[in-house]
């Protein structure tokens, strides 16, 4: 039986829809090459780029000569469309009685700001305070599925891999965690509900 539960954030604990950001960028006149700038997106998630530098790096990939940073930020944040569901917070409160809880997220400053705005400061703080450790990639300097991300989480949170159970919707992140001996649930957004986690844990 696991002692510590490791949660991804987006798609697992909070609903996201990446298509909303794709549509928003298209409406701003994005060029096809924008989708190929994965290195820029990854660097922002690692905290290697400031918000200003990240948005400036996107501007050349739009047909419009003049595009405002706020419009780009709004398009980038469009995927965050709803607050953390109350039933997910209630689930975490129940789980906290028997497990250590840890948040592991490939995050960036802009998305976290949007989520805070959607939830309101009280609800967001209530959510964050349920976790024994909060591991945002832009604060750690590494992102999933990089081995350094998992190494840092295990070390700083003083976790044993064999005591952990990891929930994430990305197959590559699950694969990386398994290399450390971390038992995992590959969460399928279209099929699974995080509310089934308690039943799943009982069957382990």
Protein backbone atom coordinates (compact mmCIF):
# COMPACT_ATOMS: atom_id res chain seq x y z
CA UNK A 1 0.00 0.00 0.00
CA UNK A 2 1.34 3.45 -0.86
CA UNK A 3 2.03 6.02 1.82
CA UNK A 4 2.32 9.04 -0.45
CA UNK A 5 0.13 10.12 -3.37
CA UNK A 6 1.71 12.19 -6.14
CA UNK A 7 -0.77 14.17 -8.23
CA UNK A 8 -0.44 15.86 -11.57
CA UNK A 9 -2.43 19.12 -11.64
CA UNK A 10 -3.84 19.92 -15.09
CA UNK A 11 -6.46 17.42 -16.36
CA UNK A 12 -6.21 15.34 -13.17
CA UNK A 13 -7.25 17.81 -10.45
CA UNK A 14 -8.35 20.79 -12.53
CA UNK A 15 -10.08 20.69 -15.93
CA UNK A 16 -8.11 22.04 -18.88
CA UNK A 17 -8.75 22.14 -22.61
CA UNK A 18 -5.68 22.79 -24.75
CA UNK A 19 -7.89 23.22 -27.81
CA UNK A 20 -9.14 26.51 -26.33
CA UNK A 21 -5.61 27.92 -26.44
CA UNK A 22 -5.04 26.63 -29.98
CA UNK A 23 -8.23 28.38 -31.08
CA UNK A 24 -7.32 31.59 -29.28
CA UNK A 25 -3.87 31.68 -30.88
CA UNK A 26 -5.43 31.01 -34.30
CA UNK A 27 -7.81 33.94 -33.83
CA UNK A 28 -4.79 36.16 -33.14
CA UNK A 29 -3.24 35.08 -36.43
CA UNK A 30 -0.73 32.47 -35.32
CA UNK A 31 1.59 31.01 -37.94
CA UNK A 32 2.03 27.25 -38.22
CA UNK A 33 5.56 27.52 -36.84
CA UNK A 34 4.21 28.60 -33.44
CA UNK A 35 3.25 24.98 -32.70
CA UNK A 36 6.87 23.96 -33.31
CA UNK A 37 8.30 26.19 -30.57
CA UNK A 38 8.31 23.42 -27.97
CA UNK A 39 11.72 24.50 -26.66
CA UNK A 40 10.33 27.94 -25.80
CA UNK A 41 7.34 26.43 -24.01
CA UNK A 42 9.58 23.98 -22.14
CA UNK A 43 11.98 26.73 -21.07
CA UNK A 44 9.07 28.77 -19.71
CA UNK A 45 7.83 25.74 -17.75
CA UNK A 46 11.31 25.31 -16.27
CA UNK A 47 11.33 28.95 -15.19
CA UNK A 48 14.20 29.75 -17.55
CA UNK A 49 12.18 32.55 -19.20
CA UNK A 50 10.36 35.39 -17.46
CA UNK A 51 6.74 36.09 -18.43
CA UNK A 52 7.88 39.10 -20.47
CA UNK A 53 10.63 37.14 -22.26
CA UNK A 54 8.27 34.25 -23.01
CA UNK A 55 5.57 36.43 -24.54
CA UNK A 56 8.17 38.38 -26.53
CA UNK A 57 9.53 35.09 -27.90
CA UNK A 58 6.06 34.21 -29.24
CA UNK A 59 5.42 37.49 -31.09
CA UNK A 60 7.45 36.68 -34.25
CA UNK A 61 5.17 33.70 -34.94
CA UNK A 62 2.09 35.78 -35.74
CA UNK A 63 1.09 37.37 -39.02
CA UNK A 64 0.16 40.64 -37.32
CA UNK A 65 3.10 43.04 -37.03
CA UNK A 66 1.85 44.43 -33.75
CA UNK A 67 0.41 42.12 -31.16
CA UNK A 68 -0.11 42.91 -27.50
CA UNK A 69 1.44 40.81 -24.75
CA UNK A 70 -1.87 40.77 -22.86
CA UNK A 71 -3.64 39.20 -25.83
CA UNK A 72 -0.95 36.53 -26.06
CA UNK A 73 -1.16 35.85 -22.32
CA UNK A 74 -4.95 35.53 -22.53
CA UNK A 75 -4.64 33.06 -25.42
CA UNK A 76 -1.97 31.04 -23.59
CA UNK A 77 -4.20 30.92 -20.51
CA UNK A 78 -7.40 30.05 -22.39
CA UNK A 79 -6.94 26.34 -21.64
CA UNK A 80 -7.53 27.08 -17.95
CA UNK A 81 -11.27 27.61 -18.15
CA UNK A 82 -12.70 26.48 -14.79
CA UNK A 83 -11.71 26.48 -11.11
CA UNK A 84 -10.65 23.43 -9.13
CA UNK A 85 -13.85 21.40 -8.53
CA UNK A 86 -15.09 21.40 -4.95
CA UNK A 87 -15.47 17.61 -5.01
CA UNK A 88 -11.76 17.29 -5.76
CA UNK A 89 -10.90 19.37 -2.71
CA UNK A 90 -13.20 17.20 -0.59
CA UNK A 91 -11.47 14.10 -1.97
CA UNK A 92 -8.04 15.46 -1.05
CA UNK A 93 -9.24 16.26 2.47
CA UNK A 94 -10.35 12.64 2.93
CA UNK A 95 -7.12 11.26 1.50
CA UNK A 96 -5.00 13.53 3.66
CA UNK A 97 -6.13 11.58 6.74
CA UNK A 98 -4.25 8.50 5.55
CA UNK A 99 -1.67 9.60 2.97
CA UNK A 100 0.96 12.19 2.31
CA UNK A 101 -0.17 14.37 -0.60
CA UNK A 102 2.20 15.90 -3.15
CA UNK A 103 1.51 18.05 -6.21
CA UNK A 104 3.76 17.52 -9.26
CA UNK A 105 3.01 19.91 -12.11
CA UNK A 106 4.60 21.14 -15.31
CA UNK A 107 3.44 24.65 -14.57
CA UNK A 108 4.30 28.22 -15.45
CA UNK A 109 3.67 31.59 -13.87
CA UNK A 110 0.91 32.63 -16.27
CA UNK A 111 -1.19 29.49 -15.83
CA UNK A 112 -0.87 29.62 -12.05
CA UNK A 113 -1.97 33.27 -12.07
CA UNK A 114 -5.02 32.35 -14.16
CA UNK A 115 -5.93 29.43 -11.89
CA UNK A 116 -5.62 31.68 -8.83
CA UNK A 117 -7.96 34.19 -10.49
CA UNK A 118 -10.49 31.46 -11.36
CA UNK A 119 -10.47 29.99 -7.86
CA UNK A 120 -10.08 33.14 -5.83
CA UNK A 121 -7.27 33.52 -3.27
CA UNK A 122 -9.04 31.66 -0.43
CA UNK A 123 -9.93 28.54 -2.43
CA UNK A 124 -6.53 28.35 -4.10
CA UNK A 125 -4.73 28.66 -0.76
CA UNK A 126 -7.04 26.05 0.76
CA UNK A 127 -6.15 23.70 -2.10
CA UNK A 128 -2.39 24.29 -1.91
CA UNK A 129 -2.36 23.84 1.87
CA UNK A 130 -3.69 20.29 1.50
CA UNK A 131 -0.34 19.17 0.07
CA UNK A 132 2.74 18.19 2.01
CA UNK A 133 4.83 19.42 -0.91
CA UNK A 134 4.03 21.50 -3.98
CA UNK A 135 6.37 20.93 -6.92
CA UNK A 136 5.86 23.36 -9.79
CA UNK A 137 8.30 22.92 -12.68
CA UNK A 138 8.90 26.66 -13.04
CA UNK A 139 10.09 26.74 -9.43
CA UNK A 140 12.09 23.48 -9.53
CA UNK A 141 13.97 24.31 -12.73
CA UNK A 142 13.06 20.92 -14.22
CA UNK A 143 9.94 19.50 -15.83
CA UNK A 144 8.39 16.08 -16.26
CA UNK A 145 9.46 13.68 -17.74
CA UNK A 146 13.03 14.79 -16.99
CA UNK A 147 14.70 12.47 -14.47
CA UNK A 148 15.96 15.49 -12.53
CA UNK A 149 12.38 16.51 -11.77
CA UNK A 150 11.58 13.23 -10.03
CA UNK A 151 14.96 13.11 -8.30
CA UNK A 152 14.43 16.57 -6.87
CA UNK A 153 10.89 15.82 -5.68
CA UNK A 154 11.92 12.59 -3.97
CA UNK A 155 14.91 14.26 -2.31
CA UNK A 156 13.32 17.53 -1.15
CA UNK A 157 10.07 15.90 0.02
CA UNK A 158 12.04 13.04 1.61
CA UNK A 159 10.01 10.38 -0.18
CA UNK A 160 10.80 6.74 -0.90
CA UNK A 161 9.87 5.75 -4.45
CA UNK A 162 8.43 2.43 -3.30
CA UNK A 163 6.02 4.27 -0.98
CA UNK A 164 4.62 6.51 -3.74
CA UNK A 165 1.66 6.28 -6.10
CA UNK A 166 1.69 8.73 -9.02
CA UNK A 167 -1.33 9.92 -11.04
CA UNK A 168 -0.68 11.68 -14.37
CA UNK A 169 -2.42 11.92 -17.74
CA UNK A 170 0.79 11.89 -19.83
CA UNK A 171 2.20 8.50 -20.78
CA UNK A 172 5.77 9.83 -20.98
CA UNK A 173 5.53 11.13 -17.40
CA UNK A 174 4.25 7.77 -16.14
CA UNK A 175 7.03 5.96 -17.98
CA UNK A 176 9.66 8.22 -16.39
CA UNK A 177 8.22 7.70 -12.90
CA UNK A 178 8.26 3.92 -13.33
CA UNK A 179 12.01 4.07 -13.98
CA UNK A 180 12.32 5.23 -10.37
CA UNK A 181 10.15 2.35 -9.16
CA UNK A 182 7.12 4.59 -8.56
CA UNK A 183 3.79 2.81 -8.98
CA UNK A 184 1.50 4.84 -11.24
CA UNK A 185 -1.94 5.35 -12.69
CA UNK A 186 -1.99 6.55 -16.28
CA UNK A 187 -5.05 8.77 -15.99
CA UNK A 188 -7.12 8.86 -19.19
CA UNK A 189 -9.09 12.10 -19.22
CA UNK A 190 -11.90 10.84 -21.44
CA UNK A 191 -12.42 7.65 -19.43
CA UNK A 192 -11.28 8.17 -15.84
CA UNK A 193 -12.39 10.20 -12.84
CA UNK A 194 -10.07 11.15 -10.02
CA UNK A 195 -13.04 10.51 -7.72
CA UNK A 196 -12.43 6.78 -8.32
CA UNK A 197 -9.00 7.02 -6.68
CA UNK A 198 -10.17 5.77 -3.28
CA UNK A 199 -11.55 2.58 -4.84
CA UNK A 200 -8.40 2.16 -6.87
CA UNK A 201 -6.20 2.45 -3.78
CA UNK A 202 -8.22 -0.20 -1.97
CA UNK A 203 -7.64 -2.63 -4.82
CA UNK A 204 -3.84 -2.26 -4.78
